[in-house]
N, C-alpha and C. Protein backbone atom coordinates (compact mmCIF):
# COMPACT_ATOMS: atom_id res chain seq x y z
N MET A 1 0.84 -1.21 0.00
CA MET A 1 0.00 0.00 0.00
C MET A 1 0.88 1.26 0.00
N VAL A 2 1.87 1.27 0.89
CA VAL A 2 2.73 2.45 1.00
C VAL A 2 3.48 2.69 -0.30
N ARG A 3 4.00 1.61 -0.89
CA ARG A 3 4.75 1.76 -2.14
C ARG A 3 3.86 2.32 -3.24
N ALA A 4 2.63 1.88 -3.26
CA ALA A 4 1.70 2.36 -4.29
C ALA A 4 1.47 3.87 -4.13
N LEU A 5 1.29 4.32 -2.90
CA LEU A 5 1.06 5.74 -2.67
C LEU A 5 2.28 6.56 -3.07
N ILE A 6 3.45 6.07 -2.72
CA ILE A 6 4.69 6.78 -3.07
C ILE A 6 4.85 6.83 -4.58
N SER A 7 4.60 5.72 -5.23
CA SER A 7 4.77 5.68 -6.70
C SER A 7 3.80 6.64 -7.37
N THR A 8 2.58 6.72 -6.87
CA THR A 8 1.60 7.63 -7.47
C THR A 8 2.02 9.08 -7.24
N GLN A 9 2.54 9.38 -6.05
CA GLN A 9 2.98 10.75 -5.77
C GLN A 9 4.12 11.14 -6.69
N ILE A 10 5.08 10.22 -6.88
CA ILE A 10 6.21 10.48 -7.77
C ILE A 10 5.71 10.69 -9.20
N PHE A 11 4.72 9.88 -9.60
CA PHE A 11 4.18 10.01 -10.95
C PHE A 11 3.57 11.39 -11.17
N PHE A 12 2.80 11.86 -10.18
CA PHE A 12 2.17 13.17 -10.31
C PHE A 12 3.22 14.28 -10.27
N LEU A 13 4.26 14.10 -9.47
CA LEU A 13 5.33 15.10 -9.42
C LEU A 13 6.01 15.21 -10.77
N LYS A 14 6.32 14.06 -11.37
CA LYS A 14 6.95 14.06 -12.69
C LYS A 14 6.03 14.69 -13.73
N ALA A 15 4.74 14.37 -13.64
CA ALA A 15 3.78 14.92 -14.60
C ALA A 15 3.73 16.44 -14.48
N SER A 16 3.74 16.94 -13.25
CA SER A 16 3.68 18.39 -13.05
C SER A 16 4.94 19.06 -13.59
N LEU A 17 6.10 18.42 -13.37
CA LEU A 17 7.35 18.98 -13.89
C LEU A 17 7.34 18.99 -15.41
N ILE A 18 6.82 17.93 -16.01
CA ILE A 18 6.75 17.84 -17.47
C ILE A 18 5.83 18.94 -18.02
N LYS A 19 4.73 19.19 -17.30
CA LYS A 19 3.80 20.22 -17.75
C LYS A 19 4.46 21.59 -17.68
N LYS A 20 5.24 21.83 -16.61
CA LYS A 20 5.91 23.12 -16.47
C LYS A 20 6.98 23.29 -17.53
N LYS A 21 7.74 22.22 -17.81
CA LYS A 21 8.83 22.30 -18.78
C LYS A 21 8.31 22.12 -20.21
N GLY A 22 7.09 21.61 -20.35
CA GLY A 22 6.55 21.34 -21.68
C GLY A 22 6.51 22.58 -22.55
N THR A 23 6.26 23.73 -21.93
CA THR A 23 6.16 24.96 -22.71
C THR A 23 7.53 25.38 -23.21
N ARG A 24 8.59 25.02 -22.47
CA ARG A 24 9.94 25.44 -22.86
C ARG A 24 10.60 24.41 -23.77
N LEU A 25 10.54 23.15 -23.37
CA LEU A 25 11.27 22.12 -24.10
C LEU A 25 10.55 21.70 -25.37
N SER A 26 11.22 20.89 -26.15
CA SER A 26 10.66 20.39 -27.40
C SER A 26 9.60 19.32 -27.12
N PRO A 27 8.79 18.95 -28.10
CA PRO A 27 7.72 17.97 -27.91
C PRO A 27 8.22 16.56 -27.58
N HIS A 28 9.54 16.35 -27.58
CA HIS A 28 10.07 15.02 -27.25
C HIS A 28 9.67 14.63 -25.83
N THR A 29 9.64 15.61 -24.92
CA THR A 29 9.28 15.31 -23.54
C THR A 29 7.81 14.91 -23.46
N ARG A 30 6.98 15.53 -24.29
CA ARG A 30 5.55 15.19 -24.27
C ARG A 30 5.34 13.76 -24.75
N LEU A 31 6.12 13.35 -25.75
CA LEU A 31 6.00 11.98 -26.25
C LEU A 31 6.47 10.98 -25.19
N ALA A 32 7.52 11.35 -24.46
CA ALA A 32 8.04 10.46 -23.42
C ALA A 32 7.00 10.28 -22.32
N SER A 33 6.27 11.35 -22.02
CA SER A 33 5.24 11.26 -20.99
C SER A 33 4.00 10.62 -21.57
């Protein structure tokens, strides 16, 4: 249970970072996500 919660939090953190950097970086990051 704990691992699942941590993994989901990390996933959302990465998603938020990708969204913030998505406007600056090339679309390669969007494809990776």
